[in-house]
Amino acid sequence: MNILTLNGGLLLHIETDDKKLRLVVSNGTTEMACRKVTPAILLQFLSSTNQNLFKGRLQLFKDTDAVNIVLKGTPVGIIPIPVFKNALHTL
């Protein structure tokens, strides 16, 4: 599991779950949102021209050099793409 720090004391956990990854936003003790996705889809999103991934409570938006984490329509953190990729590769 890798944990990335977001704004306001929130955390993004990247966990393995069989052949998928589980992206969880928590406040340290309580899960606030969760999405399951294959590593291939996440890596494709990071290297493609698509600017958003997921709909609903947890969304990812990408600009040229960072991924914006959005929880319930509110931006909660920005993670540089190289940091995000490194977190995926170290699982």
Protein backbone atom coordinates (compact mmCIF):
# COMPACT_ATOMS: atom_id res chain seq x y z
CA MET A 1 0.00 0.00 0.00
CA ASN A 2 1.17 3.52 -0.79
CA ILE A 3 -0.20 6.59 0.93
CA LEU A 4 -0.08 10.07 -0.59
CA THR A 5 -0.92 13.18 1.43
CA LEU A 6 -3.71 15.46 0.22
CA ASN A 7 -5.00 18.79 1.56
CA GLY A 8 -6.83 19.18 4.87
CA GLY A 9 -5.33 16.09 6.49
CA LEU A 10 -6.80 13.76 3.87
CA LEU A 11 -4.88 10.79 2.51
CA LEU A 12 -4.98 8.88 -0.77
CA HIS A 13 -4.31 5.19 -0.21
CA ILE A 14 -3.37 3.07 -3.23
CA GLU A 15 -3.87 -0.59 -2.34
CA THR A 16 -3.75 -3.82 -4.30
CA ASP A 17 -6.98 -5.81 -4.48
CA ASP A 18 -6.48 -8.99 -6.53
CA LYS A 19 -5.67 -7.75 -10.06
CA LYS A 20 -7.04 -4.28 -9.45
CA LEU A 21 -6.00 -1.27 -7.45
CA ARG A 22 -8.16 0.32 -4.83
CA LEU A 23 -7.94 4.12 -4.55
CA VAL A 24 -9.22 5.29 -1.19
CA VAL A 25 -9.53 8.82 0.15
CA SER A 26 -9.62 8.87 3.94
CA ASN A 27 -9.17 11.25 6.80
CA GLY A 28 -6.78 8.80 8.45
CA THR A 29 -9.42 6.75 10.23
CA THR A 30 -12.54 6.81 8.02
CA GLU A 31 -12.83 5.98 4.32
CA MET A 32 -14.59 8.82 2.52
CA ALA A 33 -14.52 7.44 -1.05
CA CYS A 34 -13.17 4.43 -2.88
CA ARG A 35 -12.70 3.35 -6.53
CA LYS A 36 -11.38 0.10 -7.96
CA VAL A 37 -9.47 0.24 -11.23
CA THR A 38 -6.91 -1.84 -13.09
CA PRO A 39 -3.32 -0.57 -13.12
CA ALA A 40 -3.42 -0.52 -16.94
CA ILE A 41 -6.34 1.93 -16.97
CA LEU A 42 -4.59 4.26 -14.51
CA LEU A 43 -1.33 4.20 -16.46
CA GLN A 44 -3.22 4.78 -19.72
CA PHE A 45 -4.99 7.76 -18.13
CA LEU A 46 -1.68 9.23 -16.96
CA SER A 47 -0.08 8.97 -20.40
CA SER A 48 -3.10 9.84 -22.58
CA THR A 49 -4.76 13.11 -23.49
CA ASN A 50 -7.87 12.22 -21.46
CA GLN A 51 -8.36 14.83 -18.79
CA ASN A 52 -10.66 13.02 -16.37
CA LEU A 53 -11.19 9.57 -14.94
CA PHE A 54 -14.20 8.38 -12.96
CA LYS A 55 -17.55 9.94 -12.26
CA GLY A 56 -19.19 10.15 -8.89
CA ARG A 57 -17.82 10.81 -5.44
CA LEU A 58 -14.10 10.33 -6.29
CA GLN A 59 -12.77 11.79 -9.54
CA LEU A 60 -9.33 12.32 -11.04
CA PHE A 61 -8.58 15.26 -13.33
CA LYS A 62 -5.27 15.66 -15.12
CA ASP A 63 -3.45 18.69 -16.47
CA THR A 64 -0.03 18.73 -18.11
CA ASP A 65 2.00 17.79 -15.04
CA ALA A 66 -0.31 16.83 -12.16
CA VAL A 67 -3.39 14.85 -11.17
CA ASN A 68 -6.09 16.70 -9.26
CA ILE A 69 -8.03 14.60 -6.76
CA VAL A 70 -11.67 15.70 -6.42
CA LEU A 71 -13.91 14.43 -3.63
CA LYS A 72 -17.65 15.17 -3.88
CA GLY A 73 -16.96 17.97 -6.36
CA THR A 74 -14.32 19.65 -4.18
CA PRO A 75 -10.60 19.55 -5.07
CA VAL A 76 -8.73 17.95 -2.16
CA GLY A 77 -5.23 17.55 -3.54
CA ILE A 78 -2.78 17.78 -6.40
CA ILE A 79 -0.24 15.04 -7.04
CA PRO A 80 2.53 15.46 -9.63
CA ILE A 81 2.27 12.80 -12.36
CA PRO A 82 5.78 11.38 -11.68
CA VAL A 83 4.91 10.94 -7.98
CA PHE A 84 1.61 9.24 -8.88
CA LYS A 85 3.34 6.89 -11.37
CA ASN A 86 6.04 6.07 -8.82
CA ALA A 87 3.37 5.16 -6.26
CA LEU A 88 1.79 2.78 -8.79
CA HIS A 89 5.09 1.13 -9.74
CA THR A 90 6.16 0.47 -6.17
CA LEU A 91 3.14 -1.69 -5.32
